[in-house]
Amino acid sequence: RPVPGLAEAMRAASLASTPHAMLSRAQAGLRGSTLIINLPGSPRATRENLGVVLPALPHALEKIQGSTAECGSP
């Protein structure tokens, strides 16, 4: 099942570095209860993209595990 927000965030952040980011094949999705994130091939882009998604991962993993907490709550 696609998780488009993560890929959109990676692409948006990468656009600050290069206009070529709009061609990114970034993808994120769920397979069962596993979150899969397709990162770029270059080490620099991988570091940049991980920096974008890592802050959201704890909440994402809670939701995958069935948390019913509000998404807008800090």
C-alpha atoms as a PDB file:
ATOM      1  CA  ARG A   1       0.000   0.000   0.000  1.00  0.00           C
ATOM      2  CA  PRO A   2       1.557   3.327  -1.007  1.00  0.00           C
ATOM      3  CA  VAL A   3       2.608   5.885   1.604  1.00  0.00           C
ATOM      4  CA  PRO A   4       2.891   8.900  -0.704  1.00  0.00           C
ATOM      5  CA  GLY A   5       3.641  11.566   1.899  1.00  0.00           C
ATOM      6  CA  LEU A   6       7.143  10.263   2.569  1.00  0.00           C
ATOM      7  CA  ALA A   7       8.111  10.221  -1.105  1.00  0.00           C
ATOM      8  CA  GLU A   8       6.591  13.669  -1.601  1.00  0.00           C
ATOM      9  CA  ALA A   9       8.588  15.035   1.337  1.00  0.00           C
ATOM     10  CA  MET A  10      11.819  13.556  -0.010  1.00  0.00           C
ATOM     11  CA  ARG A  11      11.196  14.997  -3.460  1.00  0.00           C
ATOM     12  CA  ALA A  12      10.244  18.422  -2.097  1.00  0.00           C
ATOM     13  CA  ALA A  13      13.375  18.639   0.046  1.00  0.00           C
ATOM     14  CA  SER A  14      15.576  17.478  -2.821  1.00  0.00           C
ATOM     15  CA  LEU A  15      14.166  20.164  -5.094  1.00  0.00           C
ATOM     16  CA  ALA A  16      15.989  22.702  -2.925  1.00  0.00           C
ATOM     17  CA  SER A  17      19.251  21.145  -4.143  1.00  0.00           C
ATOM     18  CA  THR A  18      18.473  20.285  -7.750  1.00  0.00           C
ATOM     19  CA  PRO A  19      15.631  20.650 -10.236  1.00  0.00           C
ATOM     20  CA  HIS A  20      16.330  17.073 -11.293  1.00  0.00           C
ATOM     21  CA  ALA A  21      14.692  15.901  -8.061  1.00  0.00           C
ATOM     22  CA  MET A  22      11.310  16.094  -9.751  1.00  0.00           C
ATOM     23  CA  LEU A  23      12.424  13.057 -11.750  1.00  0.00           C
ATOM     24  CA  SER A  24      13.131  11.086  -8.592  1.00  0.00           C
ATOM     25  CA  ARG A  25      11.710   7.590  -8.336  1.00  0.00           C
ATOM     26  CA  ALA A  26      11.337   7.945  -4.579  1.00  0.00           C
ATOM     27  CA  GLN A  27       8.694   5.593  -3.250  1.00  0.00           C
ATOM     28  CA  ALA A  28       7.446   4.516   0.138  1.00  0.00           C
ATOM     29  CA  GLY A  29       4.887   1.924   1.003  1.00  0.00           C
ATOM     30  CA  LEU A  30       3.644  -0.751   3.338  1.00  0.00           C
ATOM     31  CA  ARG A  31       3.828  -4.456   2.746  1.00  0.00           C
ATOM     32  CA  GLY A  32       1.942  -6.025   5.582  1.00  0.00           C
ATOM     33  CA  SER A  33       3.311  -4.269   8.648  1.00  0.00           C
ATOM     34  CA  THR A  34       6.660  -3.417   7.043  1.00  0.00           C
ATOM     35  CA  LEU A  35       7.438   0.126   5.934  1.00  0.00           C
ATOM     36  CA  ILE A  36       9.584   0.167   2.798  1.00  0.00           C
ATOM     37  CA  ILE A  37      11.329   3.372   1.728  1.00  0.00           C
ATOM     38  CA  ASN A  38      13.157   3.509  -1.597  1.00  0.00           C
ATOM     39  CA  LEU A  39      16.072   5.919  -1.179  1.00  0.00           C
ATOM     40  CA  PRO A  40      18.187   7.499  -3.929  1.00  0.00           C
ATOM     41  CA  GLY A  41      21.326   5.804  -5.165  1.00  0.00           C
ATOM     42  CA  SER A  42      23.893   8.469  -4.358  1.00  0.00           C
ATOM     43  CA  PRO A  43      25.293   8.596  -0.815  1.00  0.00           C
ATOM     44  CA  ARG A  44      24.703  12.348  -0.553  1.00  0.00           C
ATOM     45  CA  ALA A  45      21.083  12.147  -1.683  1.00  0.00           C
ATOM     46  CA  THR A  46      20.504   9.176   0.617  1.00  0.00           C
ATOM     47  CA  ARG A  47      21.760  11.157   3.624  1.00  0.00           C
ATOM     48  CA  GLU A  48      19.632  14.157   2.663  1.00  0.00           C
ATOM     49  CA  ASN A  49      16.504  12.072   2.173  1.00  0.00           C
ATOM     50  CA  LEU A  50      16.991  10.121   5.386  1.00  0.00           C
ATOM     51  CA  GLY A  51      17.252  13.446   7.185  1.00  0.00           C
ATOM     52  CA  VAL A  52      13.825  14.320   5.805  1.00  0.00           C
ATOM     53  CA  VAL A  53      11.998  11.108   6.718  1.00  0.00           C
ATOM     54  CA  LEU A  54      13.673  10.116   9.994  1.00  0.00           C
ATOM     55  CA  PRO A  55      11.749  12.646  12.131  1.00  0.00           C
ATOM     56  CA  ALA A  56       8.440  11.175  10.906  1.00  0.00           C
ATOM     57  CA  LEU A  57       9.363   7.514  11.343  1.00  0.00           C
ATOM     58  CA  PRO A  58       8.488   7.095  15.041  1.00  0.00           C
ATOM     59  CA  HIS A  59       4.944   8.329  14.398  1.00  0.00           C
ATOM     60  CA  ALA A  60       4.659   6.308  11.189  1.00  0.00           C
ATOM     61  CA  LEU A  61       5.710   3.145  12.997  1.00  0.00           C
ATOM     62  CA  GLU A  62       3.225   3.817  15.798  1.00  0.00           C
ATOM     63  CA  LYS A  63       0.436   4.141  13.228  1.00  0.00           C
ATOM     64  CA  ILE A  64       1.523   0.930  11.503  1.00  0.00           C
ATOM     65  CA  GLN A  65       1.359  -0.834  14.872  1.00  0.00           C
ATOM     66  CA  GLY A  66      -2.222   0.339  15.312  1.00  0.00           C
ATOM     67  CA  SER A  67      -1.969   3.525  17.356  1.00  0.00           C
ATOM     68  CA  THR A  68      -5.194   5.514  17.352  1.00  0.00           C
ATOM     69  CA  ALA A  69      -3.537   8.731  18.557  1.00  0.00           C
ATOM     70  CA  GLU A  70      -4.370  11.863  16.615  1.00  0.00           C
ATOM     71  CA  CYS A  71      -1.904  12.588  13.825  1.00  0.00           C
ATOM     72  CA  GLY A  72      -1.979  16.324  14.555  1.00  0.00           C
ATOM     73  CA  SER A  73      -0.881  15.885  18.164  1.00  0.00           C
ATOM     74  CA  PRO A  74       2.769  16.710  18.903  1.00  0.00           C
END
